[in-house]
């Protein structure tokens, strides 16, 4: 079964966005072209397997990967997008899970 789409993330410059959870496409700069915003990162507490330790001594450790959020603006169809999260103040390193554009 062939997919009805073509992967253009490399061509558009948006392939390496970090540890993505939430992504949204909308016309954020109101120029008529779709832009992309992405929230990143994760934070997890991990408990070791009880079989590896004596009862009551399970170590818990924390791990995180707090990539900065991203925003890419389009300057036209099928052209490389420009990453502008720093310019618009959306570049915070977070542990986001969803992104919902609202008008």
Protein backbone atom coordinates (compact mmCIF):
# COMPACT_ATOMS: atom_id res chain seq x y z
CA UNK A 1 0.00 0.00 0.00
CA UNK A 2 1.60 3.28 -1.09
CA UNK A 3 1.40 6.25 1.23
CA UNK A 4 -0.52 9.18 -0.27
CA UNK A 5 2.15 11.66 0.87
CA UNK A 6 5.81 12.45 0.26
CA UNK A 7 8.28 13.06 3.10
CA UNK A 8 9.67 16.56 2.45
CA UNK A 9 10.99 17.25 5.97
CA UNK A 10 14.62 17.22 4.82
CA UNK A 11 13.93 19.46 1.85
CA UNK A 12 12.01 21.91 4.07
CA UNK A 13 14.66 21.94 6.82
CA UNK A 14 12.39 20.64 9.57
CA UNK A 15 13.53 17.00 9.91
CA UNK A 16 15.71 17.38 13.01
CA UNK A 17 13.36 18.99 15.52
CA UNK A 18 14.42 17.20 18.70
CA UNK A 19 12.32 14.93 20.88
CA UNK A 20 8.92 15.96 19.53
CA UNK A 21 5.61 15.40 21.31
CA UNK A 22 3.28 18.07 20.01
CA UNK A 23 3.35 19.58 16.55
CA UNK A 24 0.97 21.95 14.80
CA UNK A 25 0.77 23.46 11.34
CA UNK A 26 -0.96 26.82 11.01
CA UNK A 27 -0.41 30.19 9.38
CA UNK A 28 1.33 31.72 12.43
CA UNK A 29 2.68 34.79 10.59
CA UNK A 30 -0.52 35.41 8.59
CA UNK A 31 1.17 35.34 5.18
CA UNK A 32 -1.01 32.61 3.65
CA UNK A 33 1.58 29.79 4.01
CA UNK A 34 1.50 26.98 6.55
CA UNK A 35 4.12 27.26 9.30
CA UNK A 36 5.09 24.60 11.86
CA UNK A 37 5.49 24.77 15.65
CA UNK A 38 6.72 21.91 17.83
CA UNK A 39 6.97 21.29 21.57
CA UNK A 40 9.76 19.01 22.76
CA UNK A 41 11.41 17.17 25.61
CA UNK A 42 10.58 14.65 28.26
CA UNK A 43 11.17 14.11 31.95
CA UNK A 44 10.83 10.70 33.56
CA UNK A 45 11.37 9.05 36.92
CA UNK A 46 12.46 5.47 36.46
CA UNK A 47 12.37 2.75 39.10
CA UNK A 48 14.70 -0.21 38.77
CA UNK A 49 13.39 -3.77 38.44
CA UNK A 50 12.60 -5.29 41.86
CA UNK A 51 14.35 -8.55 40.88
CA UNK A 52 17.70 -6.76 40.81
CA UNK A 53 17.58 -5.34 44.37
CA UNK A 54 16.71 -6.31 47.91
CA UNK A 55 13.19 -5.51 49.08
CA UNK A 56 12.76 -1.83 49.85
CA UNK A 57 15.96 -0.67 48.13
CA UNK A 58 14.70 0.06 44.61
CA UNK A 59 16.70 3.00 43.29
CA UNK A 60 14.79 5.70 41.47
CA UNK A 61 16.62 7.95 39.06
CA UNK A 62 15.51 10.82 36.93
CA UNK A 63 16.27 11.34 33.27
CA UNK A 64 15.34 14.21 31.03
CA UNK A 65 15.87 15.48 27.54
CA UNK A 66 14.62 19.02 27.46
CA UNK A 67 15.10 20.11 23.86
CA UNK A 68 14.08 23.64 23.00
CA UNK A 69 10.70 24.16 21.35
CA UNK A 70 10.77 25.01 17.65
CA UNK A 71 8.92 27.27 15.21
CA UNK A 72 9.54 27.17 11.47
CA UNK A 73 8.12 29.82 9.17
CA UNK A 74 7.46 29.17 5.50
CA UNK A 75 8.24 31.73 2.84
CA UNK A 76 6.39 29.87 0.11
CA UNK A 77 5.32 26.43 -1.04
CA UNK A 78 8.10 23.82 -1.21
CA UNK A 79 10.79 26.25 0.00
CA UNK A 80 13.11 25.71 2.93
CA UNK A 81 11.53 26.90 6.19
CA UNK A 82 13.26 29.26 8.63
CA UNK A 83 13.54 28.31 12.33
CA UNK A 84 12.54 31.36 14.41
CA UNK A 85 11.77 30.08 17.93
CA UNK A 86 14.47 32.36 19.42
CA UNK A 87 13.02 35.41 17.68
CA UNK A 88 9.43 34.79 18.81
CA UNK A 89 10.23 33.67 22.37
CA UNK A 90 9.11 30.05 21.97
CA UNK A 91 12.55 28.46 22.42
CA UNK A 92 12.27 27.43 26.07
CA UNK A 93 13.64 23.98 26.94
CA UNK A 94 10.54 22.22 28.19
CA UNK A 95 8.90 18.91 28.67
CA UNK A 96 5.85 19.68 26.52
CA UNK A 97 3.30 17.09 25.47
CA UNK A 98 0.87 18.85 23.16
CA UNK A 99 0.49 21.92 21.00
CA UNK A 100 -2.85 23.36 19.97
CA UNK A 101 -3.07 26.54 17.87
CA UNK A 102 -6.09 28.69 18.66
CA UNK A 103 -7.42 31.61 16.67
